[in-house]
Structures are given as structure tokens and as C-alpha cells.
Amino acid sequence: GVILTDARDLHRAREVMERVVEIAPDFHSVYINL
């Protein structure tokens, strides 16, 4: 998701980061990036 964000593919980056939240809701860093 970080690489997709840097590549400005924000729609796919959003999908990937939202999946991270589903898998690991206590992984705090993802909320900042999402």
C-alpha cells in the first residue's frame, strides 16, 4: 500500500490498506497511512 501510494495509485492503495485494517485492526500504522 505504501508503494502504491508513492506511485499515486490511490484507489488501489485504499483497497489494500482497508484490507490491512480487516486483517489486523490493531496494527496502528495503517490508520495513519489510510
ModelCIF file with pLDDT and N, C-alpha, C, O atoms, coordinates in Angstrom:
data_MODEL
#
_entry.id   MODEL 
#
_entity.id                         1 
_entity.type                       polymer 
_entity.pdbx_number_of_molecules   1 
#
_entity_poly.entity_id                      1 
_entity_poly.type                           'polypeptide(L)' 
_entity_poly.nstd_linkage                   no 
_entity_poly.nstd_monomer                   no 
_entity_poly.pdbx_seq_one_letter_code       GVILTDARDLHRAREVMERVVEIAPDFHSVYINL 
_entity_poly.pdbx_seq_one_letter_code_can   GVILTDARDLHRAREVMERVVEIAPDFHSVYINL 
_entity_poly.pdbx_strand_id                 A 
#
loop_
_entity_poly_seq.entity_id 
_entity_poly_seq.num 
_entity_poly_seq.mon_id 
_entity_poly_seq.hetero 
1 1  GLY n 
1 2  VAL n 
1 3  ILE n 
1 4  LEU n 
1 5  THR n 
1 6  ASP n 
1 7  ALA n 
1 8  ARG n 
1 9  ASP n 
1 10 LEU n 
1 11 HIS n 
1 12 ARG n 
1 13 ALA n 
1 14 ARG n 
1 15 GLU n 
1 16 VAL n 
1 17 MET n 
1 18 GLU n 
1 19 ARG n 
1 20 VAL n 
1 21 VAL n 
1 22 GLU n 
1 23 ILE n 
1 24 ALA n 
1 25 PRO n 
1 26 ASP n 
1 27 PHE n 
1 28 HIS n 
1 29 SER n 
1 30 VAL n 
1 31 TYR n 
1 32 ILE n 
1 33 ASN n 
1 34 LEU n 
#
_struct_asym.id          A 
_struct_asym.entity_id   1 
#
loop_
_ma_qa_metric.id 
_ma_qa_metric.mode 
_ma_qa_metric.name 
_ma_qa_metric.software_group_id 
_ma_qa_metric.type 
1 global pLDDT . pLDDT 
2 local  pLDDT . pLDDT 
#
_ma_qa_metric_global.metric_id      1 
_ma_qa_metric_global.metric_value   85.03 
_ma_qa_metric_global.model_id       1 
_ma_qa_metric_global.ordinal_id     1 
#
loop_
_ma_qa_metric_local.label_asym_id 
_ma_qa_metric_local.label_comp_id 
_ma_qa_metric_local.label_seq_id 
_ma_qa_metric_local.metric_id 
_ma_qa_metric_local.metric_value 
_ma_qa_metric_local.model_id 
_ma_qa_metric_local.ordinal_id 
A GLY 1  2 87.00 1 1  
A VAL 2  2 87.00 1 2  
A ILE 3  2 88.00 1 3  
A LEU 4  2 91.00 1 4  
A THR 5  2 87.00 1 5  
A ASP 6  2 85.00 1 6  
A ALA 7  2 84.00 1 7  
A ARG 8  2 84.00 1 8  
A ASP 9  2 89.00 1 9  
A LEU 10 2 90.00 1 10 
A HIS 11 2 90.00 1 11 
A ARG 12 2 91.00 1 12 
A ALA 13 2 89.00 1 13 
A ARG 14 2 91.00 1 14 
A GLU 15 2 91.00 1 15 
A VAL 16 2 88.00 1 16 
A MET 17 2 88.00 1 17 
A GLU 18 2 88.00 1 18 
A ARG 19 2 89.00 1 19 
A VAL 20 2 84.00 1 20 
A VAL 21 2 86.00 1 21 
A GLU 22 2 86.00 1 22 
A ILE 23 2 84.00 1 23 
A ALA 24 2 78.00 1 24 
A PRO 25 2 83.00 1 25 
A ASP 26 2 76.00 1 26 
A PHE 27 2 76.00 1 27 
A HIS 28 2 70.00 1 28 
A SER 29 2 77.00 1 29 
A VAL 30 2 82.00 1 30 
A TYR 31 2 81.00 1 31 
A ILE 32 2 79.00 1 32 
A ASN 33 2 85.00 1 33 
A LEU 34 2 87.00 1 34 
#
loop_
_atom_site.group_PDB 
_atom_site.id 
_atom_site.type_symbol 
_atom_site.label_atom_id 
_atom_site.label_alt_id 
_atom_site.label_comp_id 
_atom_site.label_asym_id 
_atom_site.label_entity_id 
_atom_site.label_seq_id 
_atom_site.pdbx_PDB_ins_code 
_atom_site.Cartn_x 
_atom_site.Cartn_y 
_atom_site.Cartn_z 
_atom_site.occupancy 
_atom_site.B_iso_or_equiv 
_atom_site.pdbx_formal_charge 
_atom_site.auth_seq_id 
_atom_site.auth_comp_id 
_atom_site.auth_asym_id 
_atom_site.auth_atom_id 
_atom_site.pdbx_PDB_model_num 
ATOM 1   N N  . GLY A 1 1  ? 0.811  -1.219 0.000  1.00 87.00 ? 1  GLY A N  1 
ATOM 2   C CA . GLY A 1 1  ? 0.000  0.000  0.000  1.00 87.00 ? 1  GLY A CA 1 
ATOM 3   C C  . GLY A 1 1  ? 0.839  1.261  0.000  1.00 87.00 ? 1  GLY A C  1 
ATOM 4   O O  . GLY A 1 1  ? 0.481  2.257  -0.628 1.00 87.00 ? 1  GLY A O  1 
ATOM 5   N N  . VAL A 1 2  ? 1.971  1.215  0.715  1.00 87.00 ? 2  VAL A N  1 
ATOM 6   C CA . VAL A 1 2  ? 2.872  2.371  0.744  1.00 87.00 ? 2  VAL A CA 1 
ATOM 7   C C  . VAL A 1 2  ? 3.441  2.639  -0.651 1.00 87.00 ? 2  VAL A C  1 
ATOM 8   O O  . VAL A 1 2  ? 3.488  3.786  -1.093 1.00 87.00 ? 2  VAL A O  1 
ATOM 9   N N  . ILE A 1 3  ? 3.871  1.586  -1.339 1.00 88.00 ? 3  ILE A N  1 
ATOM 10  C CA . ILE A 1 3  ? 4.436  1.767  -2.682 1.00 88.00 ? 3  ILE A CA 1 
ATOM 11  C C  . ILE A 1 3  ? 3.356  2.271  -3.646 1.00 88.00 ? 3  ILE A C  1 
ATOM 12  O O  . ILE A 1 3  ? 3.616  3.147  -4.471 1.00 88.00 ? 3  ILE A O  1 
ATOM 13  N N  . LEU A 1 4  ? 2.148  1.714  -3.539 1.00 91.00 ? 4  LEU A N  1 
ATOM 14  C CA . LEU A 1 4  ? 1.042  2.178  -4.392 1.00 91.00 ? 4  LEU A CA 1 
ATOM 15  C C  . LEU A 1 4  ? 0.745  3.653  -4.125 1.00 91.00 ? 4  LEU A C  1 
ATOM 16  O O  . LEU A 1 4  ? 0.454  4.408  -5.053 1.00 91.00 ? 4  LEU A O  1 
ATOM 17  N N  . THR A 1 5  ? 0.817  4.060  -2.865 1.00 87.00 ? 5  THR A N  1 
ATOM 18  C CA . THR A 1 5  ? 0.592  5.471  -2.525 1.00 87.00 ? 5  THR A CA 1 
ATOM 19  C C  . THR A 1 5  ? 1.660  6.346  -3.145 1.00 87.00 ? 5  THR A C  1 
ATOM 20  O O  . THR A 1 5  ? 1.358  7.385  -3.732 1.00 87.00 ? 5  THR A O  1 
ATOM 21  N N  . ASP A 1 6  ? 2.916  5.927  -3.014 1.00 85.00 ? 6  ASP A N  1 
ATOM 22  C CA . ASP A 1 6  ? 4.013  6.699  -3.596 1.00 85.00 ? 6  ASP A CA 1 
ATOM 23  C C  . ASP A 1 6  ? 3.887  6.782  -5.116 1.00 85.00 ? 6  ASP A C  1 
ATOM 24  O O  . ASP A 1 6  ? 4.301  7.767  -5.729 1.00 85.00 ? 6  ASP A O  1 
ATOM 25  N N  . ALA A 1 7  ? 3.307  5.732  -5.723 1.00 84.00 ? 7  ALA A N  1 
ATOM 26  C CA . ALA A 1 7  ? 3.111  5.709  -7.176 1.00 84.00 ? 7  ALA A CA 1 
ATOM 27  C C  . ALA A 1 7  ? 1.837  6.448  -7.584 1.00 84.00 ? 7  ALA A C  1 
ATOM 28  O O  . ALA A 1 7  ? 1.489  6.500  -8.763 1.00 84.00 ? 7  ALA A O  1 
ATOM 29  N N  . ARG A 1 8  ? 1.144  7.022  -6.589 1.00 84.00 ? 8  ARG A N  1 
ATOM 30  C CA . ARG A 1 8  ? -0.092 7.811  -6.784 1.00 84.00 ? 8  ARG A CA 1 
ATOM 31  C C  . ARG A 1 8  ? -1.254 6.968  -7.308 1.00 84.00 ? 8  ARG A C  1 
ATOM 32  O O  . ARG A 1 8  ? -2.192 7.513  -7.889 1.00 84.00 ? 8  ARG A O  1 
ATOM 33  N N  . ASP A 1 9  ? -1.207 5.646  -7.114 1.00 89.00 ? 9  ASP A N  1 
ATOM 34  C CA . ASP A 1 9  ? -2.357 4.790  -7.417 1.00 89.00 ? 9  ASP A CA 1 
ATOM 35  C C  . ASP A 1 9  ? -3.195 4.707  -6.141 1.00 89.00 ? 9  ASP A C  1 
ATOM 36  O O  . ASP A 1 9  ? -3.215 3.682  -5.460 1.00 89.00 ? 9  ASP A O  1 
ATOM 37  N N  . LEU A 1 10 ? -3.884 5.801  -5.834 1.00 90.00 ? 10 LEU A N  1 
ATOM 38  C CA . LEU A 1 10 ? -4.527 5.926  -4.530 1.00 90.00 ? 10 LEU A CA 1 
ATOM 39  C C  . LEU A 1 10 ? -5.751 5.028  -4.385 1.00 90.00 ? 10 LEU A C  1 
ATOM 40  O O  . LEU A 1 10 ? -6.042 4.557  -3.286 1.00 90.00 ? 10 LEU A O  1 
ATOM 41  N N  . HIS A 1 11 ? -6.464 4.788  -5.468 1.00 90.00 ? 11 HIS A N  1 
ATOM 42  C CA . HIS A 1 11 ? -7.653 3.943  -5.362 1.00 90.00 ? 11 HIS A CA 1 
ATOM 43  C C  . HIS A 1 11 ? -7.266 2.517  -4.963 1.00 90.00 ? 11 HIS A C  1 
ATOM 44  O O  . HIS A 1 11 ? -7.883 1.922  -4.079 1.00 90.00 ? 11 HIS A O  1 
ATOM 45  N N  . ARG A 1 12 ? -6.242 1.980  -5.621 1.00 91.00 ? 12 ARG A N  1 
ATOM 46  C CA . ARG A 1 12 ? -5.816 0.623  -5.252 1.00 91.00 ? 12 ARG A CA 1 
ATOM 47  C C  . ARG A 1 12 ? -5.143 0.632  -3.878 1.00 91.00 ? 12 ARG A C  1 
ATOM 48  O O  . ARG A 1 12 ? -5.304 -0.311 -3.103 1.00 91.00 ? 12 ARG A O  1 
ATOM 49  N N  . ALA A 1 13 ? -4.394 1.687  -3.574 1.00 89.00 ? 13 ALA A N  1 
ATOM 50  C CA . ALA A 1 13 ? -3.765 1.788  -2.257 1.00 89.00 ? 13 ALA A CA 1 
ATOM 51  C C  . ALA A 1 13 ? -4.830 1.760  -1.156 1.00 89.00 ? 13 ALA A C  1 
ATOM 52  O O  . ALA A 1 13 ? -4.647 1.131  -0.113 1.00 89.00 ? 13 ALA A O  1 
ATOM 53  N N  . ARG A 1 14 ? -5.940 2.450  -1.408 1.00 91.00 ? 14 ARG A N  1 
ATOM 54  C CA . ARG A 1 14 ? -7.026 2.444  -0.422 1.00 91.00 ? 14 ARG A CA 1 
ATOM 55  C C  . ARG A 1 14 ? -7.553 1.025  -0.217 1.00 91.00 ? 14 ARG A C  1 
ATOM 56  O O  . ARG A 1 14 ? -7.745 0.597  0.921  1.00 91.00 ? 14 ARG A O  1 
ATOM 57  N N  . GLU A 1 15 ? -7.789 0.289  -1.314 1.00 91.00 ? 15 GLU A N  1 
ATOM 58  C CA . GLU A 1 15 ? -8.299 -1.077 -1.206 1.00 91.00 ? 15 GLU A CA 1 
ATOM 59  C C  . GLU A 1 15 ? -7.343 -1.954 -0.401 1.00 91.00 ? 15 GLU A C  1 
ATOM 60  O O  . GLU A 1 15 ? -7.777 -2.735 0.445  1.00 91.00 ? 15 GLU A O  1 
ATOM 61  N N  . VAL A 1 16 ? -6.046 -1.823 -0.665 1.00 88.00 ? 16 VAL A N  1 
ATOM 62  C CA . VAL A 1 16 ? -5.050 -2.641 0.023  1.00 88.00 ? 16 VAL A CA 1 
ATOM 63  C C  . VAL A 1 16 ? -5.009 -2.292 1.510  1.00 88.00 ? 16 VAL A C  1 
ATOM 64  O O  . VAL A 1 16 ? -4.986 -3.188 2.354  1.00 88.00 ? 16 VAL A O  1 
ATOM 65  N N  . MET A 1 17 ? -4.999 -0.996 1.840  1.00 88.00 ? 17 MET A N  1 
ATOM 66  C CA . MET A 1 17 ? -4.918 -0.588 3.243  1.00 88.00 ? 17 MET A CA 1 
ATOM 67  C C  . MET A 1 17 ? -6.200 -0.954 4.000  1.00 88.00 ? 17 MET A C  1 
ATOM 68  O O  . MET A 1 17 ? -6.137 -1.302 5.179  1.00 88.00 ? 17 MET A O  1 
ATOM 69  N N  . GLU A 1 18 ? -7.343 -0.881 3.347  1.00 88.00 ? 18 GLU A N  1 
ATOM 70  C CA . GLU A 1 18 ? -8.587 -1.288 4.002  1.00 88.00 ? 18 GLU A CA 1 
ATOM 71  C C  . GLU A 1 18 ? -8.559 -2.783 4.315  1.00 88.00 ? 18 GLU A C  1 
ATOM 72  O O  . GLU A 1 18 ? -9.110 -3.223 5.325  1.00 88.00 ? 18 GLU A O  1 
ATOM 73  N N  . ARG A 1 19 ? -7.921 -3.553 3.452  1.00 89.00 ? 19 ARG A N  1 
ATOM 74  C CA . ARG A 1 19 ? -7.774 -4.988 3.718  1.00 89.00 ? 19 ARG A CA 1 
ATOM 75  C C  . ARG A 1 19 ? -6.863 -5.215 4.922  1.00 89.00 ? 19 ARG A C  1 
ATOM 76  O O  . ARG A 1 19 ? -7.094 -6.130 5.713  1.00 89.00 ? 19 ARG A O  1 
ATOM 77  N N  . VAL A 1 20 ? -5.823 -4.382 5.063  1.00 84.00 ? 20 VAL A N  1 
ATOM 78  C CA . VAL A 1 20 ? -4.941 -4.486 6.230  1.00 84.00 ? 20 VAL A CA 1 
ATOM 79  C C  . VAL A 1 20 ? -5.742 -4.268 7.511  1.00 84.00 ? 20 VAL A C  1 
ATOM 80  O O  . VAL A 1 20 ? -5.570 -4.996 8.489  1.00 84.00 ? 20 VAL A O  1 
ATOM 81  N N  . VAL A 1 21 ? -6.618 -3.262 7.502  1.00 86.00 ? 21 VAL A N  1 
ATOM 82  C CA . VAL A 1 21 ? -7.440 -2.981 8.683  1.00 86.00 ? 21 VAL A CA 1 
ATOM 83  C C  . VAL A 1 21 ? -8.308 -4.191 9.032  1.00 86.00 ? 21 VAL A C  1 
ATOM 84  O O  . VAL A 1 21 ? -8.474 -4.517 10.208 1.00 86.00 ? 21 VAL A O  1 
ATOM 85  N N  . GLU A 1 22 ? -8.859 -4.855 8.020  1.00 86.00 ? 22 GLU A N  1 
ATOM 86  C CA . GLU A 1 22 ? -9.687 -6.038 8.254  1.00 86.00 ? 22 GLU A CA 1 
ATOM 87  C C  . GLU A 1 22 ? -8.866 -7.172 8.872  1.00 86.00 ? 22 GLU A C  1 
ATOM 88  O O  . GLU A 1 22 ? -9.325 -7.850 9.792  1.00 86.00 ? 22 GLU A O  1 
ATOM 89  N N  . ILE A 1 23 ? -7.656 -7.370 8.361  1.00 84.00 ? 23 ILE A N  1 
ATOM 90  C CA . ILE A 1 23 ? -6.817 -8.480 8.822  1.00 84.00 ? 23 ILE A CA 1 
ATOM 91  C C  . ILE A 1 23 ? -6.222 -8.195 10.198 1.00 84.00 ? 23 ILE A C  1 
ATOM 92  O O  . ILE A 1 23 ? -6.200 -9.068 11.065 1.00 84.00 ? 23 ILE A O  1 
ATOM 93  N N  . ALA A 1 24 ? -5.738 -6.960 10.394 1.00 78.00 ? 24 ALA A N  1 
ATOM 94  C CA . ALA A 1 24 ? -5.009 -6.616 11.623 1.00 78.00 ? 24 ALA A CA 1 
ATOM 95  C C  . ALA A 1 24 ? -5.491 -5.271 12.155 1.00 78.00 ? 24 ALA A C  1 
ATOM 96  O O  . ALA A 1 24 ? -4.795 -4.267 12.011 1.00 78.00 ? 24 ALA A O  1 
ATOM 97  N N  . PRO A 1 25 ? -6.685 -5.238 12.775 1.00 83.00 ? 25 PRO A N  1 
ATOM 98  C CA . PRO A 1 25 ? -7.238 -3.957 13.241 1.00 83.00 ? 25 PRO A CA 1 
ATOM 99  C C  . PRO A 1 25 ? -6.401 -3.279 14.319 1.00 83.00 ? 25 PRO A C  1 
ATOM 100 O O  . PRO A 1 25 ? -6.580 -2.088 14.573 1.00 83.00 ? 25 PRO A O  1 
ATOM 101 N N  . ASP A 1 26 ? -5.490 -4.012 14.961 1.00 76.00 ? 26 ASP A N  1 
ATOM 102 C CA . ASP A 1 26 ? -4.640 -3.402 15.984 1.00 76.00 ? 26 ASP A CA 1 
ATOM 103 C C  . ASP A 1 26 ? -3.274 -2.979 15.451 1.00 76.00 ? 26 ASP A C  1 
ATOM 104 O O  . ASP A 1 26 ? -2.394 -2.592 16.219 1.00 76.00 ? 26 ASP A O  1 
ATOM 105 N N  . PHE A 1 27 ? -3.102 -3.054 14.132 1.00 76.00 ? 27 PHE A N  1 
ATOM 106 C CA . PHE A 1 27 ? -1.854 -2.585 13.510 1.00 76.00 ? 27 PHE A CA 1 
ATOM 107 C C  . PHE A 1 27 ? -2.010 -1.078 13.275 1.00 76.00 ? 27 PHE A C  1 
ATOM 108 O O  . PHE A 1 27 ? -2.600 -0.650 12.283 1.00 76.00 ? 27 PHE A O  1 
ATOM 109 N N  . HIS A 1 28 ? -1.475 -0.294 14.196 1.00 70.00 ? 28 HIS A N  1 
ATOM 110 C CA . HIS A 1 28 ? -1.808 1.125  14.278 1.00 70.00 ? 28 HIS A CA 1 
ATOM 111 C C  . HIS A 1 28 ? -1.328 1.949  13.087 1.00 70.00 ? 28 HIS A C  1 
ATOM 112 O O  . HIS A 1 28 ? -2.008 2.887  12.671 1.00 70.00 ? 28 HIS A O  1 
ATOM 113 N N  . SER A 1 29 ? -0.176 1.612  12.541 1.00 77.00 ? 29 SER A N  1 
ATOM 114 C CA . SER A 1 29 ? 0.398  2.438  11.475 1.00 77.00 ? 29 SER A CA 1 
ATOM 115 C C  . SER A 1 29 ? -0.525 2.548  10.266 1.00 77.00 ? 29 SER A C  1 
ATOM 116 O O  . SER A 1 29 ? -0.507 3.557  9.561  1.00 77.00 ? 29 SER A O  1 
ATOM 117 N N  . VAL A 1 30 ? -1.335 1.510  10.021 1.00 82.00 ? 30 VAL A N  1 
ATOM 118 C CA . VAL A 1 30 ? -2.161 1.513  8.814  1.00 82.00 ? 30 VAL A CA 1 
ATOM 119 C C  . VAL A 1 30 ? -3.176 2.645  8.845  1.00 82.00 ? 30 VAL A C  1 
ATOM 120 O O  . VAL A 1 30 ? -3.517 3.194  7.798  1.00 82.00 ? 30 VAL A O  1 
ATOM 121 N N  . TYR A 1 31 ? -3.668 3.005  10.040 1.00 81.00 ? 31 TYR A N  1 
ATOM 122 C CA . TYR A 1 31 ? -4.677 4.060  10.129 1.00 81.00 ? 31 TYR A CA 1 
ATOM 123 C C  . TYR A 1 31 ? -4.112 5.410  9.695  1.00 81.00 ? 31 TYR A C  1 
ATOM 124 O O  . TYR A 1 31 ? -4.797 6.203  9.049  1.00 81.00 ? 31 TYR A O  1 
ATOM 125 N N  . ILE A 1 32 ? -2.864 5.658  10.055 1.00 79.00 ? 32 ILE A N  1 
ATOM 126 C CA . ILE A 1 32 ? -2.222 6.918  9.652  1.00 79.00 ? 32 ILE A CA 1 
ATOM 127 C C  . ILE A 1 32 ? -2.150 6.985  8.132  1.00 79.00 ? 32 ILE A C  1 
ATOM 128 O O  . ILE A 1 32 ? -2.536 7.988  7.532  1.00 79.00 ? 32 ILE A O  1 
ATOM 129 N N  . ASN A 1 33 ? -1.657 5.921  7.511  1.00 85.00 ? 33 ASN A N  1 
ATOM 130 C CA . ASN A 1 33 ? -1.492 5.917  6.056  1.00 85.00 ? 33 ASN A CA 1 
ATOM 131 C C  . ASN A 1 33 ? -2.830 5.908  5.326  1.00 85.00 ? 33 ASN A C  1 
ATOM 132 O O  . ASN A 1 33 ? -2.991 6.587  4.311  1.00 85.00 ? 33 ASN A O  1 
ATOM 133 N N  . LEU A 1 34 ? -3.790 5.139  5.842  1.00 87.00 ? 34 LEU A N  1 
ATOM 134 C CA . LEU A 1 34 ? -5.095 5.087  5.195  1.00 87.00 ? 34 LEU A CA 1 
ATOM 135 C C  . LEU A 1 34 ? -5.776 6.449  5.239  1.00 87.00 ? 34 LEU A C  1 
ATOM 136 O O  . LEU A 1 34 ? -6.891 6.598  4.740  1.00 87.00 ? 34 LEU A O  1 
#
